[in-house]
Amino acid sequence: MTLTIMLNLAALAISLTALVISLLLTLRQIRLASGKIHLPVILESFKETRDARWFEAQEYVLTELTKEHEPTCGHRGLPEQARAHVDTIGLFFDDLGKLIAHGMIDQSLVIGGYGLNIVRLWDAISPYVYTERRAHGLHFWVYFEDLAARTAATHPEVVYTKLGMRSRPPRRKPDAAEPAV
């Protein structure tokens, strides 16, 4: 091999290495920028579930809904107040499910944050949803259902372990004085 060919091959190798590094850095920047774009949506979602109406709706769905109304009435057959509570839960998790299904946010963020409550709430609402689907041929709240299935398949403990979450149990009685350092 001549010196010219060796220099050309070395230049080609350096160029290809630079190209690969540029591509990797570009992909990293895109991923970081994408996260920043979705951050307001995620924070707004978290904010919604800290509202008193959310807790009221959740409590109603988990404890009163099936006692007060037969699933055969479907979603549309629920009285206004009951339907409002169901919608608060259903619409929220259906929207989060859309973001997950379309790859906009990582499912571990939602599963880690809301845990098996997603499954419990879906289980309470699903008979009404299925009645609605049968009666009207709709794909009603399919994203919520998918989110519940994903959550049931990926227990929150798996998410916590994958993230390397740690615990710190209490080391002293709450009334005990803090030792001097």
C-alpha atoms as a PDB file:
ATOM      1  CA  MET A   1       0.000   0.000   0.000  1.00  0.00           C
ATOM      2  CA  THR A   2       1.240   3.417  -0.831  1.00  0.00           C
ATOM      3  CA  LEU A   3       1.469   6.229   1.618  1.00  0.00           C
ATOM      4  CA  THR A   4      -1.270   8.151  -0.218  1.00  0.00           C
ATOM      5  CA  ILE A   5      -3.763   5.279   0.058  1.00  0.00           C
ATOM      6  CA  MET A   6      -2.968   4.846   3.765  1.00  0.00           C
ATOM      7  CA  LEU A   7      -3.482   8.560   4.407  1.00  0.00           C
ATOM      8  CA  ASN A   8      -6.771   8.513   2.475  1.00  0.00           C
ATOM      9  CA  LEU A   9      -7.985   5.491   4.488  1.00  0.00           C
ATOM     10  CA  ALA A  10      -7.006   7.180   7.749  1.00  0.00           C
ATOM     11  CA  ALA A  11      -8.847  10.359   6.699  1.00  0.00           C
ATOM     12  CA  LEU A  12     -11.897   8.283   5.748  1.00  0.00           C
ATOM     13  CA  ALA A  13     -11.835   6.489   9.129  1.00  0.00           C
ATOM     14  CA  ILE A  14     -11.561   9.797  10.986  1.00  0.00           C
ATOM     15  CA  SER A  15     -14.436  11.250   8.925  1.00  0.00           C
ATOM     16  CA  LEU A  16     -16.670   8.244   9.581  1.00  0.00           C
ATOM     17  CA  THR A  17     -15.901   8.395  13.305  1.00  0.00           C
ATOM     18  CA  ALA A  18     -16.772  12.098  13.353  1.00  0.00           C
ATOM     19  CA  LEU A  19     -20.012  11.373  11.477  1.00  0.00           C
ATOM     20  CA  VAL A  20     -21.046   8.661  13.956  1.00  0.00           C
ATOM     21  CA  ILE A  21     -20.250  10.906  16.925  1.00  0.00           C
ATOM     22  CA  SER A  22     -22.242  13.769  15.348  1.00  0.00           C
ATOM     23  CA  LEU A  23     -25.228  11.485  14.768  1.00  0.00           C
ATOM     24  CA  LEU A  24     -25.139  10.199  18.355  1.00  0.00           C
ATOM     25  CA  LEU A  25     -24.930  13.732  19.757  1.00  0.00           C
ATOM     26  CA  THR A  26     -27.793  14.863  17.498  1.00  0.00           C
ATOM     27  CA  LEU A  27     -29.992  11.985  18.629  1.00  0.00           C
ATOM     28  CA  ARG A  28     -29.206  12.812  22.262  1.00  0.00           C
ATOM     29  CA  GLN A  29     -30.133  16.462  21.707  1.00  0.00           C
ATOM     30  CA  ILE A  30     -33.408  15.463  20.047  1.00  0.00           C
ATOM     31  CA  ARG A  31     -34.252  13.192  22.982  1.00  0.00           C
ATOM     32  CA  LEU A  32     -33.455  15.923  25.501  1.00  0.00           C
ATOM     33  CA  ALA A  33     -35.433  18.535  23.562  1.00  0.00           C
ATOM     34  CA  SER A  34     -38.380  16.168  23.268  1.00  0.00           C
ATOM     35  CA  GLY A  35     -38.422  15.709  27.041  1.00  0.00           C
ATOM     36  CA  LYS A  36     -38.466  19.468  27.562  1.00  0.00           C
ATOM     37  CA  ILE A  37     -41.407  19.866  25.187  1.00  0.00           C
ATOM     38  CA  HIS A  38     -43.474  17.286  27.083  1.00  0.00           C
ATOM     39  CA  LEU A  39     -42.517  18.422  30.562  1.00  0.00           C
ATOM     40  CA  PRO A  40     -45.338  21.012  30.869  1.00  0.00           C
ATOM     41  CA  VAL A  41     -47.905  18.364  29.877  1.00  0.00           C
ATOM     42  CA  ILE A  42     -46.570  15.936  32.456  1.00  0.00           C
ATOM     43  CA  LEU A  43     -46.429  18.549  35.205  1.00  0.00           C
ATOM     44  CA  GLU A  44     -49.995  19.668  34.418  1.00  0.00           C
ATOM     45  CA  SER A  45     -51.125  16.044  34.671  1.00  0.00           C
ATOM     46  CA  PHE A  46     -49.526  15.656  38.068  1.00  0.00           C
ATOM     47  CA  LYS A  47     -51.126  18.906  39.195  1.00  0.00           C
ATOM     48  CA  GLU A  48     -54.597  17.666  38.212  1.00  0.00           C
ATOM     49  CA  THR A  49     -54.311  14.615  40.458  1.00  0.00           C
ATOM     50  CA  ARG A  50     -53.581  16.779  43.486  1.00  0.00           C
ATOM     51  CA  ASP A  51     -56.880  18.627  43.226  1.00  0.00           C
ATOM     52  CA  ALA A  52     -59.666  17.884  45.739  1.00  0.00           C
ATOM     53  CA  ARG A  53     -62.035  17.025  42.859  1.00  0.00           C
ATOM     54  CA  TRP A  54     -59.657  14.270  41.778  1.00  0.00           C
ATOM     55  CA  PHE A  55     -59.662  12.668  45.235  1.00  0.00           C
ATOM     56  CA  GLU A  56     -63.442  12.957  45.454  1.00  0.00           C
ATOM     57  CA  ALA A  57     -63.873  11.337  42.036  1.00  0.00           C
ATOM     58  CA  GLN A  58     -61.409   8.579  42.839  1.00  0.00           C
ATOM     59  CA  GLU A  59     -63.096   7.790  46.146  1.00  0.00           C
ATOM     60  CA  TYR A  60     -66.514   7.713  44.471  1.00  0.00           C
ATOM     61  CA  VAL A  61     -65.393   5.423  41.663  1.00  0.00           C
ATOM     62  CA  LEU A  62     -63.664   2.999  44.024  1.00  0.00           C
ATOM     63  CA  THR A  63     -66.306   2.842  46.763  1.00  0.00           C
ATOM     64  CA  GLU A  64     -69.716   4.061  45.573  1.00  0.00           C
ATOM     65  CA  LEU A  65     -70.106   3.671  41.816  1.00  0.00           C
ATOM     66  CA  THR A  66     -70.998  -0.016  41.690  1.00  0.00           C
ATOM     67  CA  LYS A  67     -73.132   0.239  44.832  1.00  0.00           C
ATOM     68  CA  GLU A  68     -75.279   2.999  43.348  1.00  0.00           C
ATOM     69  CA  HIS A  69     -75.432   2.108  39.630  1.00  0.00           C
ATOM     70  CA  GLU A  70     -75.597  -1.094  37.621  1.00  0.00           C
ATOM     71  CA  PRO A  71     -72.952  -1.451  34.909  1.00  0.00           C
ATOM     72  CA  THR A  72     -75.725  -2.292  32.446  1.00  0.00           C
ATOM     73  CA  CYS A  73     -76.588   1.422  32.310  1.00  0.00           C
ATOM     74  CA  GLY A  74     -73.220   2.080  30.658  1.00  0.00           C
ATOM     75  CA  HIS A  75     -71.369   5.364  30.804  1.00  0.00           C
ATOM     76  CA  ARG A  76     -74.103   7.427  29.131  1.00  0.00           C
ATOM     77  CA  GLY A  77     -76.737   6.015  31.473  1.00  0.00           C
ATOM     78  CA  LEU A  78     -75.035   7.274  34.610  1.00  0.00           C
ATOM     79  CA  PRO A  79     -76.562  10.283  36.356  1.00  0.00           C
ATOM     80  CA  GLU A  80     -74.718  13.556  35.762  1.00  0.00           C
ATOM     81  CA  GLN A  81     -72.749  13.618  39.040  1.00  0.00           C
ATOM     82  CA  ALA A  82     -71.685   9.963  38.785  1.00  0.00           C
ATOM     83  CA  ARG A  83     -70.701  10.441  35.137  1.00  0.00           C
ATOM     84  CA  ALA A  84     -68.672  13.543  36.080  1.00  0.00           C
ATOM     85  CA  HIS A  85     -66.671  11.513  38.617  1.00  0.00           C
ATOM     86  CA  VAL A  86     -66.135   8.680  36.136  1.00  0.00           C
ATOM     87  CA  ASP A  87     -65.084  11.184  33.440  1.00  0.00           C
ATOM     88  CA  THR A  88     -62.577  12.834  35.776  1.00  0.00           C
ATOM     89  CA  ILE A  89     -60.794   9.506  36.146  1.00  0.00           C
ATOM     90  CA  GLY A  90     -61.426   8.007  32.728  1.00  0.00           C
ATOM     91  CA  LEU A  91     -60.510  11.004  30.612  1.00  0.00           C
ATOM     92  CA  PHE A  92     -57.341  11.621  32.605  1.00  0.00           C
ATOM     93  CA  PHE A  93     -56.006   8.080  32.292  1.00  0.00           C
ATOM     94  CA  ASP A  94     -57.169   7.779  28.681  1.00  0.00           C
ATOM     95  CA  ASP A  95     -55.135  10.886  27.836  1.00  0.00           C
ATOM     96  CA  LEU A  96     -52.067   9.574  29.681  1.00  0.00           C
ATOM     97  CA  GLY A  97     -52.556   6.257  27.893  1.00  0.00           C
ATOM     98  CA  LYS A  98     -52.504   8.083  24.531  1.00  0.00           C
ATOM     99  CA  LEU A  99     -49.199   9.726  25.375  1.00  0.00           C
ATOM    100  CA  ILE A 100     -47.707   6.372  26.344  1.00  0.00           C
ATOM    101  CA  ALA A 101     -49.117   4.381  23.414  1.00  0.00           C
ATOM    102  CA  HIS A 102     -47.772   6.929  20.934  1.00  0.00           C
ATOM    103  CA  GLY A 103     -44.331   6.982  22.554  1.00  0.00           C
ATOM    104  CA  MET A 104     -44.581  10.551  23.829  1.00  0.00           C
ATOM    105  CA  ILE A 105     -43.777   9.679  27.436  1.00  0.00           C
ATOM    106  CA  ASP A 106     -42.235   6.665  29.114  1.00  0.00           C
ATOM    107  CA  GLN A 107     -44.781   4.340  30.675  1.00  0.00           C
ATOM    108  CA  SER A 108     -42.553   3.823  33.714  1.00  0.00           C
ATOM    109  CA  LEU A 109     -43.135   7.467  34.685  1.00  0.00           C
ATOM    110  CA  VAL A 110     -46.911   6.931  34.847  1.00  0.00           C
ATOM    111  CA  ILE A 111     -46.818   3.413  36.280  1.00  0.00           C
ATOM    112  CA  GLY A 112     -44.279   4.473  38.899  1.00  0.00           C
ATOM    113  CA  GLY A 113     -46.319   7.556  39.767  1.00  0.00           C
ATOM    114  CA  TYR A 114     -49.847   6.137  39.876  1.00  0.00           C
ATOM    115  CA  GLY A 115     -49.149   2.459  40.461  1.00  0.00           C
ATOM    116  CA  LEU A 116     -51.816  -0.173  40.769  1.00  0.00           C
ATOM    117  CA  ASN A 117     -54.406   2.528  41.373  1.00  0.00           C
ATOM    118  CA  ILE A 118     -54.641   2.662  37.569  1.00  0.00           C
ATOM    119  CA  VAL A 119     -55.694  -0.991  37.530  1.00  0.00           C
ATOM    120  CA  ARG A 120     -58.130  -0.612  40.444  1.00  0.00           C
ATOM    121  CA  LEU A 121     -59.796   2.391  38.827  1.00  0.00           C
ATOM    122  CA  TRP A 122     -59.996   0.662  35.439  1.00  0.00           C
ATOM    123  CA  ASP A 123     -61.502  -2.437  37.066  1.00  0.00           C
ATOM    124  CA  ALA A 124     -64.188  -0.263  38.701  1.00  0.00           C
ATOM    125  CA  ILE A 125     -65.026   1.637  35.502  1.00  0.00           C
ATOM    126  CA  SER A 126     -64.523  -1.073  32.872  1.00  0.00           C
ATOM    127  CA  PRO A 127     -67.966  -2.740  33.162  1.00  0.00           C
ATOM    128  CA  TYR A 128     -69.569   0.610  32.265  1.00  0.00           C
ATOM    129  CA  VAL A 129     -67.074   1.110  29.435  1.00  0.00           C
ATOM    130  CA  TYR A 130     -67.744  -2.335  27.986  1.00  0.00           C
ATOM    131  CA  THR A 131     -71.493  -1.733  28.117  1.00  0.00           C
ATOM    132  CA  GLU A 132     -70.926   1.525  26.240  1.00  0.00           C
ATOM    133  CA  ARG A 133     -68.789  -0.188  23.619  1.00  0.00           C
ATOM    134  CA  ARG A 134     -71.351  -2.928  23.028  1.00  0.00           C
ATOM    135  CA  ALA A 135     -74.249  -0.485  22.834  1.00  0.00           C
ATOM    136  CA  HIS A 136     -72.616   2.058  20.539  1.00  0.00           C
ATOM    137  CA  GLY A 137     -69.766   0.235  18.776  1.00  0.00           C
ATOM    138  CA  LEU A 138     -67.178   2.712  19.993  1.00  0.00           C
ATOM    139  CA  HIS A 139     -63.511   2.324  20.892  1.00  0.00           C
ATOM    140  CA  PHE A 140     -64.339   4.060  24.132  1.00  0.00           C
ATOM    141  CA  TRP A 141     -61.359   4.636  26.448  1.00  0.00           C
ATOM    142  CA  VAL A 142     -59.141   2.051  24.745  1.00  0.00           C
ATOM    143  CA  TYR A 143     -56.048   3.965  25.840  1.00  0.00           C
ATOM    144  CA  PHE A 144     -57.098   3.797  29.482  1.00  0.00           C
ATOM    145  CA  GLU A 145     -57.624   0.057  29.078  1.00  0.00           C
ATOM    146  CA  ASP A 146     -54.200  -0.314  27.456  1.00  0.00           C
ATOM    147  CA  LEU A 147     -52.612   1.678  30.283  1.00  0.00           C
ATOM    148  CA  ALA A 148     -54.292  -0.583  32.861  1.00  0.00           C
ATOM    149  CA  ALA A 149     -53.060  -3.678  31.013  1.00  0.00           C
ATOM    150  CA  ARG A 150     -49.519  -2.267  30.833  1.00  0.00           C
ATOM    151  CA  THR A 151     -49.636  -1.433  34.547  1.00  0.00           C
ATOM    152  CA  ALA A 152     -50.881  -4.901  35.470  1.00  0.00           C
ATOM    153  CA  ALA A 153     -48.078  -6.433  33.376  1.00  0.00           C
ATOM    154  CA  THR A 154     -45.357  -4.140  34.750  1.00  0.00           C
ATOM    155  CA  HIS A 155     -45.851  -3.940  38.485  1.00  0.00           C
ATOM    156  CA  PRO A 156     -44.715  -0.606  39.971  1.00  0.00           C
ATOM    157  CA  GLU A 157     -42.116  -2.473  42.059  1.00  0.00           C
ATOM    158  CA  VAL A 158     -40.412  -3.479  38.797  1.00  0.00           C
ATOM    159  CA  VAL A 159     -40.277   0.195  37.798  1.00  0.00           C
ATOM    160  CA  TYR A 160     -38.835   1.209  41.171  1.00  0.00           C
ATOM    161  CA  THR A 161     -36.196  -1.527  41.017  1.00  0.00           C
ATOM    162  CA  LYS A 162     -35.214  -0.582  37.468  1.00  0.00           C
ATOM    163  CA  LEU A 163     -34.800   3.031  38.553  1.00  0.00           C
ATOM    164  CA  GLY A 164     -32.648   1.977  41.495  1.00  0.00           C
ATOM    165  CA  MET A 165     -35.044   3.537  43.999  1.00  0.00           C
ATOM    166  CA  ARG A 166     -33.907   3.254  47.583  1.00  0.00           C
ATOM    167  CA  SER A 167     -35.707   3.322  50.891  1.00  0.00           C
ATOM    168  CA  ARG A 168     -34.917   4.815  54.228  1.00  0.00           C
ATOM    169  CA  PRO A 169     -37.100   3.450  56.994  1.00  0.00           C
ATOM    170  CA  PRO A 170     -37.439   5.505  60.188  1.00  0.00           C
ATOM    171  CA  ARG A 171     -34.315   5.293  62.321  1.00  0.00           C
ATOM    172  CA  ARG A 172     -35.746   6.771  65.494  1.00  0.00           C
ATOM    173  CA  LYS A 173     -39.032   7.383  67.218  1.00  0.00           C
ATOM    174  CA  PRO A 174     -40.704  10.632  66.035  1.00  0.00           C
ATOM    175  CA  ASP A 175     -40.546  12.119  69.574  1.00  0.00           C
ATOM    176  CA  ALA A 176     -36.873  11.328  70.153  1.00  0.00           C
ATOM    177  CA  ALA A 177     -34.397  14.174  70.012  1.00  0.00           C
ATOM    178  CA  GLU A 178     -32.038  14.275  67.050  1.00  0.00           C
ATOM    179  CA  PRO A 179     -28.508  13.272  68.127  1.00  0.00           C
ATOM    180  CA  ALA A 180     -25.873  15.999  68.024  1.00  0.00           C
ATOM    181  CA  VAL A 181     -23.540  15.811  65.053  1.00  0.00           C
END
